[in-house]
Amino acid sequence: MAMADWVQRQVSKPPRWSDAEFKAIQELLGPPPRSSEFARWRVRLYCGRIREVRRSRSQERPDGGVTDQVRCTECGLAPSVIVAFEPLVGDG
């Protein structure tokens, strides 16, 4: 089977959810968060690289809870624990 045939069959399949199901899920999840609800942080990962991450403003630190680990996009270390951080001022 050619790749193009397989792709064509995949995209021609009906959607998994009906419009009513999709709307019900949207109502359960609520509106998407606004960008103003997030704070930006510069974090140093265990692998030594530095990344910028966004976290909810309700969190005092970017390394708390389930979000204390980040995948390093450069070396691929996943998860890479946050070992140091600083807030970025002037974010919007």
PDB file of N, CA and C in Angstrom:
ATOM      1  N   MET A   1       0.853  -1.174   0.000  1.00  0.00           N
ATOM      2  CA  MET A   1       0.000   0.000   0.000  1.00  0.00           C
ATOM      3  C   MET A   1       0.901   1.240   0.000  1.00  0.00           C
ATOM      4  N   ALA A   2       0.599   2.163  -0.844  1.00  0.00           N
ATOM      5  CA  ALA A   2       1.376   3.397  -0.941  1.00  0.00           C
ATOM      6  C   ALA A   2       1.035   4.320   0.229  1.00  0.00           C
ATOM      7  N   MET A   3       2.015   5.089   0.634  1.00  0.00           N
ATOM      8  CA  MET A   3       1.831   6.016   1.752  1.00  0.00           C
ATOM      9  C   MET A   3       0.695   7.001   1.454  1.00  0.00           C
ATOM     10  N   ALA A   4       0.614   7.489   0.247  1.00  0.00           N
ATOM     11  CA  ALA A   4      -0.432   8.455  -0.113  1.00  0.00           C
ATOM     12  C   ALA A   4      -1.822   7.840   0.068  1.00  0.00           C
ATOM     13  N   ASP A   5      -1.978   6.553  -0.281  1.00  0.00           N
ATOM     14  CA  ASP A   5      -3.273   5.886  -0.099  1.00  0.00           C
ATOM     15  C   ASP A   5      -3.630   5.788   1.375  1.00  0.00           C
ATOM     16  N   TRP A   6      -2.659   5.423   2.198  1.00  0.00           N
ATOM     17  CA  TRP A   6      -2.893   5.305   3.639  1.00  0.00           C
ATOM     18  C   TRP A   6      -3.295   6.649   4.235  1.00  0.00           C
ATOM     19  N   VAL A   7      -2.579   7.707   3.864  1.00  0.00           N
ATOM     20  CA  VAL A   7      -2.891   9.048   4.361  1.00  0.00           C
ATOM     21  C   VAL A   7      -4.295   9.450   3.929  1.00  0.00           C
ATOM     22  N   GLN A   8      -4.633   9.199   2.690  1.00  0.00           N
ATOM     23  CA  GLN A   8      -5.956   9.564   2.191  1.00  0.00           C
ATOM     24  C   GLN A   8      -7.055   8.849   2.983  1.00  0.00           C
ATOM     25  N   ARG A   9      -6.853   7.580   3.296  1.00  0.00           N
ATOM     26  CA  ARG A   9      -7.840   6.834   4.081  1.00  0.00           C
ATOM     27  C   ARG A   9      -7.950   7.402   5.493  1.00  0.00           C
ATOM     28  N   GLN A  10      -6.824   7.807   6.082  1.00  0.00           N
ATOM     29  CA  GLN A  10      -6.854   8.350   7.442  1.00  0.00           C
ATOM     30  C   GLN A  10      -7.603   9.677   7.513  1.00  0.00           C
ATOM     31  N   VAL A  11      -7.363  10.562   6.555  1.00  0.00           N
ATOM     32  CA  VAL A  11      -8.011  11.879   6.601  1.00  0.00           C
ATOM     33  C   VAL A  11      -9.470  11.819   6.166  1.00  0.00           C
ATOM     34  N   SER A  12      -9.880  10.753   5.508  1.00  0.00           N
ATOM     35  CA  SER A  12     -11.275  10.652   5.088  1.00  0.00           C
ATOM     36  C   SER A  12     -12.164  10.031   6.161  1.00  0.00           C
ATOM     37  N   LYS A  13     -11.572   9.569   7.272  1.00  0.00           N
ATOM     38  CA  LYS A  13     -12.367   8.989   8.362  1.00  0.00           C
ATOM     39  C   LYS A  13     -13.183  10.079   9.035  1.00  0.00           C
ATOM     40  N   PRO A  14     -14.376   9.727   9.528  1.00  0.00           N
ATOM     41  CA  PRO A  14     -15.190  10.740  10.221  1.00  0.00           C
ATOM     42  C   PRO A  14     -14.528  11.140  11.535  1.00  0.00           C
ATOM     43  N   PRO A  15     -14.833  12.352  12.021  1.00  0.00           N
ATOM     44  CA  PRO A  15     -14.254  12.777  13.298  1.00  0.00           C
ATOM     45  C   PRO A  15     -14.700  11.844  14.419  1.00  0.00           C
ATOM     46  N   ARG A  16     -13.881  11.772  15.472  1.00  0.00           N
ATOM     47  CA  ARG A  16     -14.176  10.867  16.577  1.00  0.00           C
ATOM     48  C   ARG A  16     -15.343  11.352  17.425  1.00  0.00           C
ATOM     49  N   TRP A  17     -15.528  12.665  17.543  1.00  0.00           N
ATOM     50  CA  TRP A  17     -16.578  13.221  18.387  1.00  0.00           C
ATOM     51  C   TRP A  17     -17.611  13.945  17.535  1.00  0.00           C
ATOM     52  N   SER A  18     -18.854  13.851  17.974  1.00  0.00           N
ATOM     53  CA  SER A  18     -19.897  14.641  17.324  1.00  0.00           C
ATOM     54  C   SER A  18     -19.765  16.083  17.814  1.00  0.00           C
ATOM     55  N   ASP A  19     -20.466  16.989  17.156  1.00  0.00           N
ATOM     56  CA  ASP A  19     -20.443  18.393  17.588  1.00  0.00           C
ATOM     57  C   ASP A  19     -20.962  18.544  19.012  1.00  0.00           C
ATOM     58  N   ALA A  20     -21.995  17.772  19.365  1.00  0.00           N
ATOM     59  CA  ALA A  20     -22.555  17.848  20.722  1.00  0.00           C
ATOM     60  C   ALA A  20     -21.539  17.371  21.753  1.00  0.00           C
ATOM     61  N   GLU A  21     -20.833  16.289  21.442  1.00  0.00           N
ATOM     62  CA  GLU A  21     -19.806  15.789  22.367  1.00  0.00           C
ATOM     63  C   GLU A  21     -18.678  16.799  22.519  1.00  0.00           C
ATOM     64  N   PHE A  22     -18.268  17.405  21.415  1.00  0.00           N
ATOM     65  CA  PHE A  22     -17.198  18.395  21.451  1.00  0.00           C
ATOM     66  C   PHE A  22     -17.606  19.594  22.306  1.00  0.00           C
ATOM     67  N   LYS A  23     -18.831  20.076  22.142  1.00  0.00           N
ATOM     68  CA  LYS A  23     -19.311  21.211  22.942  1.00  0.00           C
ATOM     69  C   LYS A  23     -19.393  20.848  24.420  1.00  0.00           C
ATOM     70  N   ALA A  24     -19.795  19.617  24.725  1.00  0.00           N
ATOM     71  CA  ALA A  24     -19.875  19.186  26.124  1.00  0.00           C
ATOM     72  C   ALA A  24     -18.486  19.188  26.758  1.00  0.00           C
ATOM     73  N   ILE A  25     -17.491  18.726  26.039  1.00  0.00           N
ATOM     74  CA  ILE A  25     -16.116  18.727  26.543  1.00  0.00           C
ATOM     75  C   ILE A  25     -15.633  20.166  26.754  1.00  0.00           C
ATOM     76  N   GLN A  26     -15.929  21.048  25.803  1.00  0.00           N
ATOM     77  CA  GLN A  26     -15.540  22.452  25.943  1.00  0.00           C
ATOM     78  C   GLN A  26     -16.162  23.083  27.188  1.00  0.00           C
ATOM     79  N   GLU A  27     -17.417  22.753  27.465  1.00  0.00           N
ATOM     80  CA  GLU A  27     -18.084  23.303  28.647  1.00  0.00           C
ATOM     81  C   GLU A  27     -17.439  22.783  29.925  1.00  0.00           C
ATOM     82  N   LEU A  28     -17.045  21.520  29.936  1.00  0.00           N
ATOM     83  CA  LEU A  28     -16.397  20.951  31.116  1.00  0.00           C
ATOM     84  C   LEU A  28     -15.039  21.600  31.382  1.00  0.00           C
ATOM     85  N   LEU A  29     -14.292  21.844  30.321  1.00  0.00           N
ATOM     86  CA  LEU A  29     -12.952  22.398  30.471  1.00  0.00           C
ATOM     87  C   LEU A  29     -12.959  23.897  30.729  1.00  0.00           C
ATOM     88  N   GLY A  30     -13.992  24.572  30.302  1.00  0.00           N
ATOM     89  CA  GLY A  30     -14.064  26.014  30.477  1.00  0.00           C
ATOM     90  C   GLY A  30     -13.255  26.733  29.401  1.00  0.00           C
ATOM     91  N   PRO A  31     -13.229  28.062  29.473  1.00  0.00           N
ATOM     92  CA  PRO A  31     -12.501  28.826  28.460  1.00  0.00           C
ATOM     93  C   PRO A  31     -10.989  28.624  28.606  1.00  0.00           C
ATOM     94  N   PRO A  32     -10.250  28.725  27.512  1.00  0.00           N
ATOM     95  CA  PRO A  32      -8.793  28.600  27.620  1.00  0.00           C
ATOM     96  C   PRO A  32      -8.218  29.741  28.449  1.00  0.00           C
ATOM     97  N   PRO A  33      -7.135  29.488  29.178  1.00  0.00           N
ATOM     98  CA  PRO A  33      -6.560  30.558  30.009  1.00  0.00           C
ATOM     99  C   PRO A  33      -5.979  31.680  29.153  1.00  0.00           C
ATOM    100  N   ARG A  34      -6.074  32.899  29.666  1.00  0.00           N
ATOM    101  CA  ARG A  34      -5.492  34.056  28.974  1.00  0.00           C
ATOM    102  C   ARG A  34      -3.994  34.082  29.247  1.00  0.00           C
ATOM    103  N   SER A  35      -3.245  34.674  28.352  1.00  0.00           N
ATOM    104  CA  SER A  35      -1.793  34.742  28.536  1.00  0.00           C
ATOM    105  C   SER A  35      -1.425  35.556  29.776  1.00  0.00           C
ATOM    106  N   SER A  36      -2.302  36.456  30.203  1.00  0.00           N
ATOM    107  CA  SER A  36      -2.017  37.251  31.398  1.00  0.00           C
ATOM    108  C   SER A  36      -2.083  36.409  32.676  1.00  0.00           C
ATOM    109  N   GLU A  37      -2.592  35.186  32.590  1.00  0.00           N
ATOM    110  CA  GLU A  37      -2.679  34.304  33.750  1.00  0.00           C
ATOM    111  C   GLU A  37      -1.390  33.508  33.960  1.00  0.00           C
ATOM    112  N   PHE A  38      -0.394  33.761  33.125  1.00  0.00           N
ATOM    113  CA  PHE A  38       0.860  33.028  33.209  1.00  0.00           C
ATOM    114  C   PHE A  38       2.022  33.955  33.530  1.00  0.00           C
ATOM    115  N   ALA A  39       3.014  33.410  34.202  1.00  0.00           N
ATOM    116  CA  ALA A  39       4.265  34.126  34.464  1.00  0.00           C
ATOM    117  C   ALA A  39       5.374  33.393  33.704  1.00  0.00           C
ATOM    118  N   ARG A  40       6.373  34.141  33.265  1.00  0.00           N
ATOM    119  CA  ARG A  40       7.514  33.533  32.571  1.00  0.00           C
ATOM    120  C   ARG A  40       8.684  33.416  33.527  1.00  0.00           C
ATOM    121  N   TRP A  41       9.401  32.303  33.392  1.00  0.00           N
ATOM    122  CA  TRP A  41      10.550  32.028  34.238  1.00  0.00           C
ATOM    123  C   TRP A  41      11.722  31.588  33.374  1.00  0.00           C
ATOM    124  N   ARG A  42      12.911  31.949  33.801  1.00  0.00           N
ATOM    125  CA  ARG A  42      14.132  31.390  33.197  1.00  0.00           C
ATOM    126  C   ARG A  42      14.583  30.286  34.138  1.00  0.00           C
ATOM    127  N   VAL A  43      14.708  29.071  33.613  1.00  0.00           N
ATOM    128  CA  VAL A  43      15.067  27.935  34.469  1.00  0.00           C
ATOM    129  C   VAL A  43      16.342  27.272  33.962  1.00  0.00           C
ATOM    130  N   ARG A  44      17.139  26.764  34.906  1.00  0.00           N
ATOM    131  CA  ARG A  44      18.307  25.955  34.568  1.00  0.00           C
ATOM    132  C   ARG A  44      17.913  24.509  34.812  1.00  0.00           C
ATOM    133  N   LEU A  45      18.140  23.684  33.812  1.00  0.00           N
ATOM    134  CA  LEU A  45      17.791  22.279  33.911  1.00  0.00           C
ATOM    135  C   LEU A  45      18.961  21.462  34.433  1.00  0.00           C
ATOM    136  N   TYR A  46      18.685  20.262  34.887  1.00  0.00           N
ATOM    137  CA  TYR A  46      19.700  19.363  35.419  1.00  0.00           C
ATOM    138  C   TYR A  46      20.808  19.120  34.400  1.00  0.00           C
ATOM    139  N   CYS A  47      20.464  19.135  33.120  1.00  0.00           N
ATOM    140  CA  CYS A  47      21.461  18.903  32.074  1.00  0.00           C
ATOM    141  C   CYS A  47      22.358  20.126  31.860  1.00  0.00           C
ATOM    142  N   GLY A  48      22.046  21.268  32.535  1.00  0.00           N
ATOM    143  CA  GLY A  48      22.875  22.466  32.445  1.00  0.00           C
ATOM    144  C   GLY A  48      22.358  23.519  31.486  1.00  0.00           C
ATOM    145  N   ARG A  49      21.383  23.187  30.695  1.00  0.00           N
ATOM    146  CA  ARG A  49      20.861  24.161  29.735  1.00  0.00           C
ATOM    147  C   ARG A  49      19.843  25.081  30.391  1.00  0.00           C
ATOM    148  N   ILE A  50      19.634  26.244  29.755  1.00  0.00           N
ATOM    149  CA  ILE A  50      18.706  27.255  30.266  1.00  0.00           C
ATOM    150  C   ILE A  50      17.523  27.330  29.300  1.00  0.00           C
ATOM    151  N   ARG A  51      16.316  27.374  29.857  1.00  0.00           N
ATOM    152  CA  ARG A  51      15.103  27.498  29.053  1.00  0.00           C
ATOM    153  C   ARG A  51      14.179  28.517  29.691  1.00  0.00           C
ATOM    154  N   GLU A  52      13.271  29.051  28.899  1.00  0.00           N
ATOM    155  CA  GLU A  52      12.194  29.887  29.425  1.00  0.00           C
ATOM    156  C   GLU A  52      10.933  29.038  29.442  1.00  0.00           C
ATOM    157  N   VAL A  53      10.201  29.095  30.554  1.00  0.00           N
ATOM    158  CA  VAL A  53       8.956  28.342  30.682  1.00  0.00           C
ATOM    159  C   VAL A  53       7.857  29.255  31.174  1.00  0.00           C
ATOM    160  N   ARG A  54       6.625  28.857  30.935  1.00  0.00           N
ATOM    161  CA  ARG A  54       5.457  29.586  31.442  1.00  0.00           C
ATOM    162  C   ARG A  54       4.779  28.721  32.489  1.00  0.00           C
ATOM    163  N   ARG A  55       4.374  29.360  33.561  1.00  0.00           N
ATOM    164  CA  ARG A  55       3.640  28.680  34.629  1.00  0.00           C
ATOM    165  C   ARG A  55       2.494  29.578  35.075  1.00  0.00           C
ATOM    166  N   SER A  56       1.494  28.985  35.669  1.00  0.00           N
ATOM    167  CA  SER A  56       0.361  29.736  36.195  1.00  0.00           C
ATOM    168  C   SER A  56       0.855  30.731  37.247  1.00  0.00           C
ATOM    169  N   ARG A  57       0.291  31.928  37.234  1.00  0.00           N
ATOM    170  CA  ARG A  57       0.669  32.933  38.231  1.00  0.00           C
ATOM    171  C   ARG A  57       0.294  32.502  39.646  1.00  0.00           C
ATOM    172  N   SER A  58      -0.585  31.516  39.767  1.00  0.00           N
ATOM    173  CA  SER A  58      -0.961  31.044  41.096  1.00  0.00           C
ATOM    174  C   SER A  58       0.163  30.244  41.755  1.00  0.00           C
ATOM    175  N   GLN A  59       1.137  29.796  40.979  1.00  0.00           N
ATOM    176  CA  GLN A  59       2.284  29.085  41.543  1.00  0.00           C
ATOM    177  C   GLN A  59       3.367  30.081  41.911  1.00  0.00           C
ATOM    178  N   GLU A  60       3.918  29.935  43.102  1.00  0.00           N
ATOM    179  CA  GLU A  60       4.969  30.841  43.539  1.00  0.00           C
ATOM    180  C   GLU A  60       6.318  30.488  42.932  1.00  0.00           C
ATOM    181  N   ARG A  61       6.478  29.228  42.539  1.00  0.00           N
ATOM    182  CA  ARG A  61       7.758  28.748  41.982  1.00  0.00           C
ATOM    183  C   ARG A  61       7.468  27.899  40.750  1.00  0.00           C
ATOM    184  N   PRO A  62       8.361  27.892  39.780  1.00  0.00           N
ATOM    185  CA  PRO A  62       8.118  27.091  38.578  1.00  0.00           C
ATOM    186  C   PRO A  62       8.445  25.613  38.766  1.00  0.00           C
ATOM    187  N   ASP A  63       9.015  25.254  39.916  1.00  0.00           N
ATOM    188  CA  ASP A  63       9.430  23.868  40.112  1.00  0.00           C
ATOM    189  C   ASP A  63       8.539  23.121  41.088  1.00  0.00           C
ATOM    190  N   GLY A  64       7.338  23.611  41.301  1.00  0.00           N
ATOM    191  CA  GLY A  64       6.438  22.958  42.243  1.00  0.00           C
ATOM    192  C   GLY A  64       5.434  22.067  41.543  1.00  0.00           C
ATOM    193  N   GLY A  65       4.892  21.150  42.290  1.00  0.00           N
ATOM    194  CA  GLY A  65       3.839  20.292  41.758  1.00  0.00           C
ATOM    195  C   GLY A  65       4.316  19.355  40.672  1.00  0.00           C
ATOM    196  N   VAL A  66       3.435  19.102  39.732  1.00  0.00           N
ATOM    197  CA  VAL A  66       3.756  18.151  38.666  1.00  0.00           C
ATOM    198  C   VAL A  66       4.586  18.778  37.553  1.00  0.00           C
ATOM    199  N   THR A  67       4.816  20.091  37.619  1.00  0.00           N
ATOM    200  CA  THR A  67       5.536  20.763  36.536  1.00  0.00           C
ATOM    201  C   THR A  67       6.984  21.045  36.885  1.00  0.00           C
ATOM    202  N   ASP A  68       7.554  20.291  37.828  1.00  0.00           N
ATOM    203  CA  ASP A  68       8.939  20.566  38.209  1.00  0.00           C
ATOM    204  C   ASP A  68       9.939  19.928  37.266  1.00  0.00           C
ATOM    205  N   GLN A  69       9.450  19.234  36.268  1.00  0.00           N
ATOM    206  CA  GLN A  69      10.333  18.597  35.303  1.00  0.00           C
ATOM    207  C   GLN A  69       9.955  19.051  33.900  1.00  0.00           C
ATOM    208  N   VAL A  70      10.968  19.291  33.081  1.00  0.00           N
ATOM    209  CA  VAL A  70      10.780  19.805  31.738  1.00  0.00           C
ATOM    210  C   VAL A  70      11.609  18.959  30.788  1.00  0.00           C
ATOM    211  N   ARG A  71      11.148  18.774  29.578  1.00  0.00           N
ATOM    212  CA  ARG A  71      11.949  18.084  28.577  1.00  0.00           C
ATOM    213  C   ARG A  71      12.913  19.081  27.961  1.00  0.00           C
ATOM    214  N   CYS A  72      14.194  18.723  27.926  1.00  0.00           N
ATOM    215  CA  CYS A  72      15.188  19.601  27.295  1.00  0.00           C
ATOM    216  C   CYS A  72      15.080  19.432  25.788  1.00  0.00           C
ATOM    217  N   THR A  73      14.834  20.524  25.092  1.00  0.00           N
ATOM    218  CA  THR A  73      14.666  20.448  23.640  1.00  0.00           C
ATOM    219  C   THR A  73      15.990  20.312  22.915  1.00  0.00           C
ATOM    220  N   GLU A  74      17.098  20.593  23.588  1.00  0.00           N
ATOM    221  CA  GLU A  74      18.402  20.495  22.939  1.00  0.00           C
ATOM    222  C   GLU A  74      19.004  19.098  23.039  1.00  0.00           C
ATOM    223  N   CYS A  75      19.065  18.547  24.264  1.00  0.00           N
ATOM    224  CA  CYS A  75      19.694  17.236  24.424  1.00  0.00           C
ATOM    225  C   CYS A  75      18.681  16.109  24.479  1.00  0.00           C
ATOM    226  N   GLY A  76      17.398  16.445  24.647  1.00  0.00           N
ATOM    227  CA  GLY A  76      16.352  15.437  24.675  1.00  0.00           C
ATOM    228  C   GLY A  76      16.136  14.780  26.020  1.00  0.00           C
ATOM    229  N   LEU A  77      16.874  15.189  27.051  1.00  0.00           N
ATOM    230  CA  LEU A  77      16.705  14.603  28.375  1.00  0.00           C
ATOM    231  C   LEU A  77      15.281  14.856  28.858  1.00  0.00           C
ATOM    232  N   ALA A  78      14.563  13.770  29.119  1.00  0.00           N
ATOM    233  CA  ALA A  78      13.173  13.911  29.548  1.00  0.00           C
ATOM    234  C   ALA A  78      12.885  12.885  30.619  1.00  0.00           C
ATOM    235  N   PRO A  79      12.537  13.282  31.795  1.00  0.00           N
ATOM    236  CA  PRO A  79      12.441  14.673  32.221  1.00  0.00           C
ATOM    237  C   PRO A  79      13.777  15.202  32.708  1.00  0.00           C
ATOM    238  N   SER A  80      13.943  16.499  32.593  1.00  0.00           N
ATOM    239  CA  SER A  80      15.111  17.172  33.136  1.00  0.00           C
ATOM    240  C   SER A  80      14.625  18.061  34.264  1.00  0.00           C
ATOM    241  N   VAL A  81      15.084  17.807  35.466  1.00  0.00           N
ATOM    242  CA  VAL A  81      14.611  18.512  36.654  1.00  0.00           C
ATOM    243  C   VAL A  81      15.107  19.954  36.650  1.00  0.00           C
ATOM    244  N   ILE A  82      14.248  20.875  37.090  1.00  0.00           N
ATOM    245  CA  ILE A  82      14.625  22.281  37.240  1.00  0.00           C
ATOM    246  C   ILE A  82      15.473  22.401  38.498  1.00  0.00           C
ATOM    247  N   VAL A  83      16.703  22.912  38.359  1.00  0.00           N
ATOM    248  CA  VAL A  83      17.602  23.024  39.502  1.00  0.00           C
ATOM    249  C   VAL A  83      17.780  24.469  39.966  1.00  0.00           C
ATOM    250  N   ALA A  84      17.444  25.446  39.137  1.00  0.00           N
ATOM    251  CA  ALA A  84      17.530  26.860  39.508  1.00  0.00           C
ATOM    252  C   ALA A  84      16.547  27.630  38.638  1.00  0.00           C
ATOM    253  N   PHE A  85      16.112  28.791  39.132  1.00  0.00           N
ATOM    254  CA  PHE A  85      15.145  29.575  38.360  1.00  0.00           C
ATOM    255  C   PHE A  85      15.162  31.020  38.789  1.00  0.00           C
ATOM    256  N   GLU A  86      14.652  31.898  37.891  1.00  0.00           N
ATOM    257  CA  GLU A  86      14.444  33.302  38.226  1.00  0.00           C
ATOM    258  C   GLU A  86      13.269  33.811  37.409  1.00  0.00           C
ATOM    259  N   PRO A  87      12.444  34.692  37.991  1.00  0.00           N
ATOM    260  CA  PRO A  87      11.308  35.241  37.238  1.00  0.00           C
ATOM    261  C   PRO A  87      11.798  36.228  36.192  1.00  0.00           C
ATOM    262  N   LEU A  88      11.089  36.293  35.088  1.00  0.00           N
ATOM    263  CA  LEU A  88      11.386  37.268  34.056  1.00  0.00           C
ATOM    264  C   LEU A  88      10.418  38.428  34.241  1.00  0.00           C
ATOM    265  N   VAL A  89      10.941  39.605  34.484  1.00  0.00           N
ATOM    266  CA  VAL A  89      10.109  40.789  34.713  1.00  0.00           C
ATOM    267  C   VAL A  89       9.700  41.379  33.376  1.00  0.00           C
ATOM    268  N   GLY A  90       8.574  42.085  33.409  1.00  0.00           N
ATOM    269  CA  GLY A  90       8.110  42.748  32.200  1.00  0.00           C
ATOM    270  C   GLY A  90       7.375  41.829  31.258  1.00  0.00           C
ATOM    271  N   ASP A  91       6.988  40.641  31.748  1.00  0.00           N
ATOM    272  CA  ASP A  91       6.233  39.761  30.862  1.00  0.00           C
ATOM    273  C   ASP A  91       4.799  40.215  30.853  1.00  0.00           C
ATOM    274  N   GLY A  92       4.095  39.845  29.777  1.00  0.00           N
ATOM    275  CA  GLY A  92       2.737  40.318  29.669  1.00  0.00           C
ATOM    276  C   GLY A  92       1.731  39.312  29.366  1.00  0.00           C
TER     277      GLY A  92
END
